Amino acid sequence: MSRRRGDELDAAIRTAVLQILAEHGPAGVTMEAVAAAARTSKPVLYRRWPDAPALLRDTLLGIATAAIPHEDTGSYRGDMLAVLRGWAALFTGPQAALIRSAIGAAAHDSELTEAFRAGVIGWRKAEMAALLARGIERGDVRADVPVEIARELGQSVLWHRLLITGDPIDDALVVQLVDEVLIPFVAPR
């Protein structure tokens, strides 16, 4: 059997992390467990990550940032539909339990909390600010929109449903949020 390298090895390691997280929770993600599940060695892992929490954080941050679209669709409505559909797919797909588990783990791991805030939330805030700036330039978002509220408004409903109420997250909800909440909030007056 040939030695795996690059993307193939990275995918095997990250798949192992997610499987262990799903089966045993964050505490189960150890360098030993990941190395065994990924069929690699601990030194290979330690060359890339200083410890298991760093490996877990890096894997979870990669999932979150890759799942949410951030391309310009040409309209605020199109951009927000894409963004919220990305969140909805992440929150209702096979990785939803992992997201909840990661949020639970963050309560006991200040580094994971900070990594999530800086990596995922910080990235999202910057992307949403850019999305709103594009809307202002196009004229479909008012120039005085409170960016710090507008960038979180739709996503907060999805997070609340995922973590608190368990109410359905579906495309009808996404469209309703965009058309009945977000567009009226940001539209030029």
N, C-alpha and C. Protein backbone atom coordinates (compact mmCIF):
# COMPACT_ATOMS: atom_id res chain seq x y z
N MET A 1 0.85 -1.18 0.00
CA MET A 1 0.00 0.00 0.00
C MET A 1 0.90 1.24 0.00
N SER A 2 0.56 2.19 -0.84
CA SER A 2 1.36 3.40 -0.93
C SER A 2 0.99 4.36 0.20
N ARG A 3 1.95 5.19 0.53
CA ARG A 3 1.75 6.17 1.60
C ARG A 3 0.86 7.31 1.09
N ARG A 4 -0.14 7.66 1.89
CA ARG A 4 -1.01 8.78 1.52
C ARG A 4 -0.33 10.08 1.89
N ARG A 5 -0.57 11.09 1.05
CA ARG A 5 0.03 12.40 1.29
C ARG A 5 -0.99 13.47 0.93
N GLY A 6 -0.68 14.69 1.28
CA GLY A 6 -1.45 15.85 0.84
C GLY A 6 -2.93 15.76 1.15
N ASP A 7 -3.73 16.05 0.13
CA ASP A 7 -5.18 16.11 0.30
C ASP A 7 -5.79 14.79 0.74
N GLU A 8 -5.26 13.68 0.22
CA GLU A 8 -5.80 12.37 0.58
C GLU A 8 -5.60 12.08 2.07
N LEU A 9 -4.41 12.36 2.57
CA LEU A 9 -4.13 12.17 3.99
C LEU A 9 -4.95 13.14 4.84
N ASP A 10 -5.01 14.39 4.41
CA ASP A 10 -5.77 15.39 5.14
C ASP A 10 -7.24 14.98 5.26
N ALA A 11 -7.82 14.51 4.16
CA ALA A 11 -9.22 14.07 4.18
C ALA A 11 -9.41 12.89 5.13
N ALA A 12 -8.48 11.95 5.13
CA ALA A 12 -8.59 10.80 6.03
C ALA A 12 -8.53 11.23 7.50
N ILE A 13 -7.65 12.17 7.80
CA ILE A 13 -7.51 12.66 9.17
C ILE A 13 -8.78 13.38 9.60
N ARG A 14 -9.28 14.26 8.76
CA ARG A 14 -10.48 15.03 9.12
C ARG A 14 -11.72 14.13 9.22
N THR A 15 -11.81 13.14 8.36
CA THR A 15 -12.92 12.19 8.45
C THR A 15 -12.84 11.43 9.77
N ALA A 16 -11.64 11.04 10.16
CA ALA A 16 -11.46 10.34 11.44
C ALA A 16 -11.88 11.23 12.61
N VAL A 17 -11.47 12.49 12.57
CA VAL A 17 -11.85 13.43 13.64
C VAL A 17 -13.36 13.50 13.76
N LEU A 18 -14.05 13.65 12.63
CA LEU A 18 -15.51 13.79 12.66
C LEU A 18 -16.20 12.51 13.12
N GLN A 19 -15.69 11.36 12.71
CA GLN A 19 -16.28 10.10 13.16
C GLN A 19 -16.11 9.92 14.67
N ILE A 20 -14.93 10.22 15.15
CA ILE A 20 -14.68 10.10 16.60
C ILE A 20 -15.53 11.09 17.37
N LEU A 21 -15.62 12.31 16.87
CA LEU A 21 -16.45 13.33 17.53
C LEU A 21 -17.90 12.87 17.61
N ALA A 22 -18.42 12.32 16.52
CA ALA A 22 -19.81 11.87 16.48
C ALA A 22 -20.04 10.70 17.44
N GLU A 23 -19.07 9.82 17.54
CA GLU A 23 -19.25 8.61 18.35
C GLU A 23 -18.90 8.80 19.83
N HIS A 24 -17.90 9.67 20.11
CA HIS A 24 -17.38 9.76 21.48
C HIS A 24 -17.35 11.17 22.06
N GLY A 25 -17.78 12.16 21.27
CA GLY A 25 -17.75 13.52 21.75
C GLY A 25 -16.34 14.10 21.68
N PRO A 26 -16.21 15.37 22.04
CA PRO A 26 -14.92 16.06 21.93
C PRO A 26 -13.80 15.40 22.74
N ALA A 27 -14.12 14.85 23.89
CA ALA A 27 -13.09 14.23 24.73
C ALA A 27 -12.49 13.00 24.06
N GLY A 28 -13.23 12.37 23.16
CA GLY A 28 -12.73 11.20 22.46
C GLY A 28 -11.74 11.50 21.36
N VAL A 29 -11.67 12.78 20.98
CA VAL A 29 -10.75 13.17 19.90
C VAL A 29 -9.36 13.34 20.51
N THR A 30 -8.60 12.26 20.49
CA THR A 30 -7.22 12.28 20.95
C THR A 30 -6.31 12.01 19.77
N MET A 31 -5.06 12.35 19.88
CA MET A 31 -4.11 12.09 18.80
C MET A 31 -4.02 10.59 18.53
N GLU A 32 -4.05 9.78 19.59
CA GLU A 32 -3.97 8.33 19.44
C GLU A 32 -5.18 7.81 18.66
N ALA A 33 -6.38 8.26 19.06
CA ALA A 33 -7.60 7.78 18.41
C ALA A 33 -7.65 8.21 16.94
N VAL A 34 -7.28 9.45 16.67
CA VAL A 34 -7.32 9.95 15.29
C VAL A 34 -6.29 9.22 14.43
N ALA A 35 -5.09 9.02 14.95
CA ALA A 35 -4.06 8.32 14.20
C ALA A 35 -4.52 6.91 13.85
N ALA A 36 -5.11 6.22 14.81
CA ALA A 36 -5.58 4.85 14.55
C ALA A 36 -6.71 4.85 13.52
N ALA A 37 -7.67 5.73 13.69
CA ALA A 37 -8.82 5.75 12.77
C ALA A 37 -8.42 6.19 11.36
N ALA A 38 -7.45 7.07 11.26
CA ALA A 38 -7.02 7.57 9.94
C ALA A 38 -5.93 6.68 9.34
N ARG A 39 -5.50 5.67 10.09
CA ARG A 39 -4.43 4.78 9.66
C ARG A 39 -3.17 5.57 9.28
N THR A 40 -2.76 6.37 10.26
CA THR A 40 -1.52 7.14 10.12
C THR A 40 -0.81 7.09 11.46
N SER A 41 0.19 7.89 11.64
CA SER A 41 0.94 7.89 12.91
C SER A 41 0.75 9.20 13.66
N LYS A 42 0.98 9.13 14.95
CA LYS A 42 0.89 10.35 15.77
C LYS A 42 1.91 11.39 15.32
N PRO A 43 3.15 11.02 14.97
CA PRO A 43 4.09 12.05 14.50
C PRO A 43 3.58 12.82 13.27
N VAL A 44 2.85 12.14 12.39
CA VAL A 44 2.27 12.82 11.23
C VAL A 44 1.29 13.89 11.71
N LEU A 45 0.49 13.55 12.70
CA LEU A 45 -0.47 14.52 13.24
C LEU A 45 0.24 15.67 13.93
N TYR A 46 1.24 15.33 14.74
CA TYR A 46 1.94 16.38 15.49
C TYR A 46 2.74 17.32 14.59
N ARG A 47 3.09 16.88 13.39
CA ARG A 47 3.75 17.79 12.45
C ARG A 47 2.80 18.88 11.97
N ARG A 48 1.50 18.61 12.02
CA ARG A 48 0.51 19.56 11.51
C ARG A 48 -0.23 20.32 12.61
N TRP A 49 -0.44 19.67 13.76
CA TRP A 49 -1.21 20.28 14.85
C TRP A 49 -0.47 20.03 16.15
N PRO A 50 -0.45 21.01 17.06
CA PRO A 50 0.29 20.83 18.31
C PRO A 50 -0.39 19.86 19.29
N ASP A 51 -1.71 19.71 19.16
CA ASP A 51 -2.43 18.83 20.08
C ASP A 51 -3.81 18.50 19.50
N ALA A 52 -4.53 17.62 20.17
CA ALA A 52 -5.84 17.20 19.70
C ALA A 52 -6.87 18.33 19.66
N PRO A 53 -6.91 19.20 20.67
CA PRO A 53 -7.86 20.31 20.58
C PRO A 53 -7.62 21.19 19.34
N ALA A 54 -6.37 21.42 19.00
CA ALA A 54 -6.06 22.23 17.80
C ALA A 54 -6.54 21.52 16.54
N LEU A 55 -6.35 20.21 16.49
CA LEU A 55 -6.83 19.42 15.35
C LEU A 55 -8.35 19.48 15.25
N LEU A 56 -9.03 19.34 16.37
CA LEU A 56 -10.50 19.42 16.39
C LEU A 56 -10.97 20.81 15.95
N ARG A 57 -10.37 21.85 16.51
CA ARG A 57 -10.75 23.21 16.14
C ARG A 57 -10.56 23.45 14.65
N ASP A 58 -9.41 23.07 14.13
CA ASP A 58 -9.11 23.28 12.71
C ASP A 58 -10.11 22.54 11.82
N THR A 59 -10.46 21.34 12.18
CA THR A 59 -11.42 20.55 11.40
C THR A 59 -12.80 21.19 11.42
N LEU A 60 -13.26 21.60 12.59
CA LEU A 60 -14.60 22.19 12.70
C LEU A 60 -14.67 23.55 12.01
N LEU A 61 -13.62 24.34 12.13
CA LEU A 61 -13.62 25.65 11.48
C LEU A 61 -13.63 25.49 9.97
N GLY A 62 -12.93 24.51 9.48
CA GLY A 62 -12.91 24.24 8.04
C GLY A 62 -14.29 23.88 7.51
N ILE A 63 -15.02 23.08 8.25
CA ILE A 63 -16.37 22.69 7.85
C ILE A 63 -17.27 23.92 7.77
N ALA A 64 -17.25 24.71 8.81
CA ALA A 64 -18.15 25.86 8.87
C ALA A 64 -17.86 26.88 7.78
N THR A 65 -16.59 27.19 7.56
CA THR A 65 -16.28 28.21 6.56
C THR A 65 -16.49 27.71 5.14
N ALA A 66 -16.31 26.41 4.91
CA ALA A 66 -16.49 25.87 3.56
C ALA A 66 -17.97 25.73 3.19
N ALA A 67 -18.83 25.61 4.19
CA ALA A 67 -20.24 25.33 3.92
C ALA A 67 -21.07 26.55 3.54
N ILE A 68 -20.58 27.73 3.84
CA ILE A 68 -21.39 28.93 3.65
C ILE A 68 -20.94 29.71 2.42
N PRO A 69 -21.82 29.84 1.42
CA PRO A 69 -21.44 30.58 0.21
C PRO A 69 -21.14 32.05 0.51
N HIS A 70 -20.24 32.62 -0.26
CA HIS A 70 -19.92 34.03 -0.07
C HIS A 70 -19.65 34.73 -1.41
N GLU A 71 -20.11 34.15 -2.48
CA GLU A 71 -19.96 34.78 -3.78
C GLU A 71 -21.07 35.80 -4.01
N ASP A 72 -20.78 36.79 -4.84
CA ASP A 72 -21.75 37.83 -5.19
C ASP A 72 -22.72 37.27 -6.23
N THR A 73 -24.01 37.24 -5.87
CA THR A 73 -25.03 36.74 -6.81
C THR A 73 -25.60 37.86 -7.67
N GLY A 74 -25.30 39.10 -7.33
CA GLY A 74 -25.81 40.24 -8.08
C GLY A 74 -26.93 40.98 -7.40
N SER A 75 -27.44 40.44 -6.29
CA SER A 75 -28.49 41.15 -5.54
C SER A 75 -28.40 40.78 -4.07
N TYR A 76 -28.86 41.68 -3.22
CA TYR A 76 -28.89 41.39 -1.79
C TYR A 76 -29.75 40.16 -1.52
N ARG A 77 -30.91 40.10 -2.17
CA ARG A 77 -31.80 38.96 -1.96
C ARG A 77 -31.11 37.65 -2.35
N GLY A 78 -30.50 37.63 -3.51
CA GLY A 78 -29.80 36.42 -3.95
C GLY A 78 -28.66 36.04 -3.02
N ASP A 79 -27.90 37.05 -2.59
CA ASP A 79 -26.79 36.79 -1.67
C ASP A 79 -27.31 36.17 -0.37
N MET A 80 -28.37 36.77 0.19
CA MET A 80 -28.88 36.28 1.47
C MET A 80 -29.54 34.91 1.33
N LEU A 81 -30.22 34.66 0.24
CA LEU A 81 -30.76 33.32 0.03
C LEU A 81 -29.63 32.29 -0.01
N ALA A 82 -28.55 32.61 -0.71
CA ALA A 82 -27.42 31.68 -0.79
C ALA A 82 -26.80 31.44 0.59
N VAL A 83 -26.56 32.52 1.32
CA VAL A 83 -25.94 32.41 2.64
C VAL A 83 -26.82 31.59 3.59
N LEU A 84 -28.08 31.96 3.68
CA LEU A 84 -28.96 31.26 4.62
C LEU A 84 -29.24 29.83 4.18
N ARG A 85 -29.28 29.58 2.90
CA ARG A 85 -29.42 28.19 2.42
C ARG A 85 -28.18 27.38 2.78
N GLY A 86 -27.01 28.01 2.74
CA GLY A 86 -25.79 27.32 3.16
C GLY A 86 -25.85 26.95 4.64
N TRP A 87 -26.25 27.90 5.48
CA TRP A 87 -26.41 27.60 6.91
C TRP A 87 -27.46 26.52 7.11
N ALA A 88 -28.60 26.65 6.43
CA ALA A 88 -29.68 25.67 6.59
C ALA A 88 -29.21 24.27 6.20
N ALA A 89 -28.47 24.16 5.10
CA ALA A 89 -27.96 22.86 4.68
C ALA A 89 -27.00 22.29 5.71
N LEU A 90 -26.15 23.13 6.27
CA LEU A 90 -25.22 22.68 7.30
C LEU A 90 -25.97 22.24 8.55
N PHE A 91 -26.99 23.00 8.93
CA PHE A 91 -27.73 22.72 10.16
C PHE A 91 -28.70 21.56 10.04
N THR A 92 -29.07 21.17 8.85
CA THR A 92 -30.02 20.07 8.68
C THR A 92 -29.37 18.84 8.05
N GLY A 93 -28.13 18.97 7.62
CA GLY A 93 -27.44 17.87 6.96
C GLY A 93 -26.81 16.91 7.94
N PRO A 94 -25.99 16.03 7.42
CA PRO A 94 -25.37 15.00 8.25
C PRO A 94 -24.43 15.55 9.33
N GLN A 95 -23.98 16.79 9.18
CA GLN A 95 -23.05 17.35 10.16
C GLN A 95 -23.74 18.19 11.23
N ALA A 96 -25.07 18.24 11.23
CA ALA A 96 -25.79 19.05 12.23
C ALA A 96 -25.47 18.61 13.65
N ALA A 97 -25.44 17.32 13.90
CA ALA A 97 -25.12 16.83 15.24
C ALA A 97 -23.71 17.23 15.64
N LEU A 98 -22.81 17.23 14.67
CA LEU A 98 -21.43 17.63 14.95
C LEU A 98 -21.36 19.11 15.32
N ILE A 99 -22.16 19.92 14.64
CA ILE A 99 -22.17 21.36 14.95
C ILE A 99 -22.66 21.56 16.38
N ARG A 100 -23.75 20.89 16.74
CA ARG A 100 -24.25 21.00 18.12
C ARG A 100 -23.20 20.50 19.12
N SER A 101 -22.54 19.41 18.79
CA SER A 101 -21.51 18.86 19.67
C SER A 101 -20.34 19.84 19.82
N ALA A 102 -19.97 20.47 18.71
CA ALA A 102 -18.87 21.44 18.75
C ALA A 102 -19.24 22.64 19.62
N ILE A 103 -20.48 23.10 19.51
CA ILE A 103 -20.93 24.23 20.33
C ILE A 103 -20.91 23.82 21.80
N GLY A 104 -21.35 22.61 22.08
CA GLY A 104 -21.30 22.11 23.45
C GLY A 104 -19.87 22.01 23.96
N ALA A 105 -18.97 21.56 23.09
CA ALA A 105 -17.56 21.43 23.46
C ALA A 105 -16.96 22.80 23.73
N ALA A 106 -17.39 23.79 22.98
CA ALA A 106 -16.85 25.14 23.14
C ALA A 106 -17.12 25.68 24.55
N ALA A 107 -18.21 25.23 25.16
CA ALA A 107 -18.52 25.69 26.51
C ALA A 107 -17.44 25.27 27.52
N HIS A 108 -16.68 24.22 27.16
CA HIS A 108 -15.65 23.70 28.06
C HIS A 108 -14.24 23.90 27.51
N ASP A 109 -14.12 24.59 26.40
CA ASP A 109 -12.83 24.78 25.75
C ASP A 109 -12.72 26.22 25.28
N SER A 110 -12.08 27.03 26.09
CA SER A 110 -12.00 28.46 25.76
C SER A 110 -11.25 28.69 24.45
N GLU A 111 -10.29 27.83 24.12
CA GLU A 111 -9.58 27.98 22.85
C GLU A 111 -10.50 27.68 21.68
N LEU A 112 -11.35 26.66 21.82
CA LEU A 112 -12.32 26.36 20.76
C LEU A 112 -13.30 27.52 20.63
N THR A 113 -13.76 28.05 21.75
CA THR A 113 -14.67 29.19 21.71
C THR A 113 -14.03 30.36 20.97
N GLU A 114 -12.80 30.68 21.34
CA GLU A 114 -12.10 31.80 20.70
C GLU A 114 -11.84 31.51 19.22
N ALA A 115 -11.46 30.29 18.90
CA ALA A 115 -11.21 29.92 17.51
C ALA A 115 -12.50 30.03 16.69
N PHE A 116 -13.62 29.60 17.29
CA PHE A 116 -14.90 29.69 16.60
C PHE A 116 -15.29 31.15 16.38
N ARG A 117 -15.12 31.96 17.42
CA ARG A 117 -15.46 33.39 17.30
C ARG A 117 -14.57 34.09 16.29
N ALA A 118 -13.28 33.83 16.35
CA ALA A 118 -12.36 34.50 15.42
C ALA A 118 -12.45 33.90 14.02
N GLY A 119 -12.48 32.57 13.96
CA GLY A 119 -12.45 31.90 12.67
C GLY A 119 -13.78 31.94 11.94
N VAL A 120 -14.81 31.38 12.53
CA VAL A 120 -16.11 31.29 11.86
C VAL A 120 -16.88 32.60 11.97
N ILE A 121 -17.10 33.06 13.19
CA ILE A 121 -17.92 34.25 13.38
C ILE A 121 -17.21 35.49 12.83
N GLY A 122 -15.93 35.62 13.09
CA GLY A 122 -15.19 36.76 12.56
C GLY A 122 -15.20 36.78 11.04
N TRP A 123 -14.96 35.62 10.44
CA TRP A 123 -15.01 35.49 8.98
C TRP A 123 -16.40 35.85 8.47
N ARG A 124 -17.43 35.32 9.12
CA ARG A 124 -18.80 35.57 8.70
C ARG A 124 -19.14 37.06 8.82
N LYS A 125 -18.74 37.69 9.90
CA LYS A 125 -19.01 39.12 10.07
C LYS A 125 -18.40 39.92 8.93
N ALA A 126 -17.15 39.62 8.60
CA ALA A 126 -16.49 40.32 7.50
C ALA A 126 -17.20 40.06 6.17
N GLU A 127 -17.58 38.81 5.93
CA GLU A 127 -18.28 38.47 4.69
C GLU A 127 -19.65 39.17 4.61
N MET A 128 -20.36 39.20 5.73
CA MET A 128 -21.67 39.85 5.74
C MET A 128 -21.53 41.36 5.58
N ALA A 129 -20.50 41.95 6.16
CA ALA A 129 -20.27 43.38 5.97
C ALA A 129 -19.99 43.67 4.50
N ALA A 130 -19.21 42.82 3.85
CA ALA A 130 -18.93 42.99 2.42
C ALA A 130 -20.19 42.81 1.59
N LEU A 131 -21.02 41.84 1.95
CA LEU A 131 -22.29 41.61 1.26
C LEU A 131 -23.18 42.85 1.37
N LEU A 132 -23.27 43.40 2.56
CA LEU A 132 -24.09 44.60 2.76
C LEU A 132 -23.50 45.80 2.01
N ALA A 133 -22.18 45.93 2.00
CA ALA A 133 -21.54 47.03 1.25
C ALA A 133 -21.85 46.91 -0.25
N ARG A 134 -21.83 45.69 -0.78
CA ARG A 134 -22.21 45.50 -2.19
C ARG A 134 -23.64 45.93 -2.42
N GLY A 135 -24.52 45.59 -1.48
CA GLY A 135 -25.92 45.98 -1.59
C GLY A 135 -26.10 47.49 -1.56
N ILE A 136 -25.33 48.14 -0.73
CA ILE A 136 -25.39 49.62 -0.67
C ILE A 136 -24.93 50.19 -2.00
N GLU A 137 -23.83 49.67 -2.54
CA GLU A 137 -23.33 50.15 -3.84
C GLU A 137 -24.36 49.94 -4.95
N ARG A 138 -25.07 48.83 -4.92
CA ARG A 138 -26.08 48.55 -5.95
C ARG A 138 -27.36 49.34 -5.73
N GLY A 139 -27.59 49.77 -4.49
CA GLY A 139 -28.80 50.51 -4.18
C GLY A 139 -29.94 49.65 -3.64
N ASP A 140 -29.69 48.36 -3.40
CA ASP A 140 -30.77 47.54 -2.84
C ASP A 140 -30.66 47.40 -1.32
N VAL A 141 -29.68 48.09 -0.71
CA VAL A 141 -29.55 48.18 0.74
C VAL A 141 -29.34 49.66 1.06
N ARG A 142 -30.06 50.14 2.09
CA ARG A 142 -29.94 51.56 2.43
C ARG A 142 -28.57 51.84 3.04
N ALA A 143 -28.08 53.01 2.77
CA ALA A 143 -26.73 53.40 3.20
C ALA A 143 -26.58 53.46 4.71
N ASP A 144 -27.66 53.73 5.44
CA ASP A 144 -27.56 53.86 6.90
C ASP A 144 -27.98 52.59 7.64
N VAL A 145 -27.98 51.44 6.95
CA VAL A 145 -28.38 50.19 7.60
C VAL A 145 -27.41 49.89 8.75
N PRO A 146 -27.94 49.48 9.91
CA PRO A 146 -27.06 49.11 11.01
C PRO A 146 -26.42 47.73 10.73
N VAL A 147 -25.22 47.78 10.19
CA VAL A 147 -24.54 46.57 9.72
C VAL A 147 -24.42 45.52 10.82
N GLU A 148 -24.10 45.96 12.04
CA GLU A 148 -23.89 44.99 13.13
C GLU A 148 -25.16 44.20 13.46
N ILE A 149 -26.32 44.72 13.13
CA ILE A 149 -27.57 43.98 13.33
C ILE A 149 -27.94 43.23 12.05
N ALA A 150 -27.85 43.90 10.93
CA ALA A 150 -28.26 43.29 9.66
C ALA A 150 -27.45 42.04 9.34
N ARG A 151 -26.17 42.03 9.70
CA ARG A 151 -25.33 40.88 9.35
C ARG A 151 -25.66 39.64 10.16
N GLU A 152 -26.37 39.80 11.28
CA GLU A 152 -26.67 38.66 12.16
C GLU A 152 -28.14 38.27 12.17
N LEU A 153 -28.98 39.10 11.62
CA LEU A 153 -30.42 38.94 11.79
C LEU A 153 -30.96 37.60 11.30
N GLY A 154 -30.69 37.23 10.08
CA GLY A 154 -31.23 35.98 9.55
C GLY A 154 -30.59 34.75 10.15
N GLN A 155 -29.26 34.80 10.30
CA GLN A 155 -28.54 33.66 10.83
C GLN A 155 -28.93 33.36 12.27
N SER A 156 -29.25 34.40 13.03
CA SER A 156 -29.59 34.18 14.44
C SER A 156 -30.83 33.31 14.60
N VAL A 157 -31.78 33.45 13.70
CA VAL A 157 -32.98 32.61 13.76
C VAL A 157 -32.60 31.14 13.52
N LEU A 158 -31.73 30.91 12.56
CA LEU A 158 -31.32 29.53 12.26
C LEU A 158 -30.54 28.93 13.42
N TRP A 159 -29.61 29.70 13.99
CA TRP A 159 -28.87 29.21 15.15
C TRP A 159 -29.80 28.91 16.32
N HIS A 160 -30.78 29.78 16.55
CA HIS A 160 -31.73 29.57 17.64
C HIS A 160 -32.50 28.26 17.44
N ARG A 161 -32.95 28.03 16.23
CA ARG A 161 -33.68 26.79 15.97
C ARG A 161 -32.78 25.56 16.12
N LEU A 162 -31.53 25.67 15.66
CA LEU A 162 -30.62 24.54 15.78
C LEU A 162 -30.31 24.21 17.23
N LEU A 163 -30.00 25.22 18.03
CA LEU A 163 -29.48 24.99 19.37
C LEU A 163 -30.51 25.04 20.48
N ILE A 164 -31.62 25.76 20.27
CA ILE A 164 -32.57 25.97 21.36
C ILE A 164 -33.90 25.26 21.14
N THR A 165 -34.62 25.65 20.09
CA THR A 165 -36.00 25.17 19.96
C THR A 165 -36.14 23.85 19.22
N GLY A 166 -35.21 23.57 18.30
CA GLY A 166 -35.36 22.36 17.49
C GLY A 166 -36.44 22.48 16.43
N ASP A 167 -37.00 23.69 16.26
CA ASP A 167 -38.01 23.89 15.22
C ASP A 167 -37.39 23.66 13.85
N PRO A 168 -38.23 23.34 12.86
CA PRO A 168 -37.71 23.02 11.53
C PRO A 168 -36.93 24.17 10.90
N ILE A 169 -35.90 23.78 10.18
CA ILE A 169 -35.12 24.70 9.36
C ILE A 169 -35.26 24.18 7.94
N ASP A 170 -35.98 24.93 7.12
CA ASP A 170 -36.19 24.49 5.75
C ASP A 170 -36.14 25.68 4.79
N ASP A 171 -36.28 25.40 3.51
CA ASP A 171 -36.16 26.47 2.53
C ASP A 171 -37.29 27.49 2.66
N ALA A 172 -38.47 27.05 3.05
CA ALA A 172 -39.58 28.00 3.23
C ALA A 172 -39.23 29.02 4.31
N LEU A 173 -38.58 28.56 5.38
CA LEU A 173 -38.15 29.48 6.44
C LEU A 173 -37.11 30.47 5.89
N VAL A 174 -36.14 29.96 5.13
CA VAL A 174 -35.10 30.82 4.57
C VAL A 174 -35.72 31.91 3.70
N VAL A 175 -36.62 31.53 2.81
CA VAL A 175 -37.26 32.50 1.92
C VAL A 175 -38.09 33.50 2.72
N GLN A 176 -38.80 33.02 3.73
CA GLN A 176 -39.59 33.91 4.58
C GLN A 176 -38.69 34.91 5.33
N LEU A 177 -37.59 34.43 5.87
CA LEU A 177 -36.66 35.33 6.55
C LEU A 177 -36.13 36.41 5.62
N VAL A 178 -35.74 36.01 4.42
CA VAL A 178 -35.19 36.97 3.47
C VAL A 178 -36.25 37.97 3.03
N ASP A 179 -37.40 37.46 2.61
CA ASP A 179 -38.42 38.33 2.01
C ASP A 179 -39.22 39.14 3.03
N GLU A 180 -39.45 38.60 4.22
CA GLU A 180 -40.32 39.27 5.17
C GLU A 180 -39.59 39.95 6.33
N VAL A 181 -38.33 39.60 6.53
CA VAL A 181 -37.57 40.21 7.64
C VAL A 181 -36.39 41.01 7.11
N LEU A 182 -35.52 40.36 6.36
CA LEU A 182 -34.27 41.02 5.97
C LEU A 182 -34.45 42.12 4.94
N ILE A 183 -35.15 41.82 3.87
CA ILE A 183 -35.32 42.86 2.83
C ILE A 183 -36.05 44.08 3.38
N PRO A 184 -37.16 43.92 4.12
CA PRO A 184 -37.78 45.11 4.69
C PRO A 184 -36.84 45.87 5.64
N PHE A 185 -35.98 45.16 6.35
CA PHE A 185 -35.07 45.81 7.28
C PHE A 185 -34.00 46.63 6.58
N VAL A 186 -33.48 46.14 5.44
CA VAL A 186 -32.37 46.82 4.78
C VAL A 186 -32.78 47.69 3.60
N ALA A 187 -34.02 47.57 3.15
CA ALA A 187 -34.44 48.25 1.92
C ALA A 187 -34.36 49.77 2.07
N PRO A 188 -33.96 50.45 1.00
CA PRO A 188 -33.97 51.91 1.02
C PRO A 188 -35.39 52.42 1.30
N ARG A 189 -35.46 53.51 2.05
CA ARG A 189 -36.78 54.04 2.44
C ARG A 189 -37.20 55.14 1.52
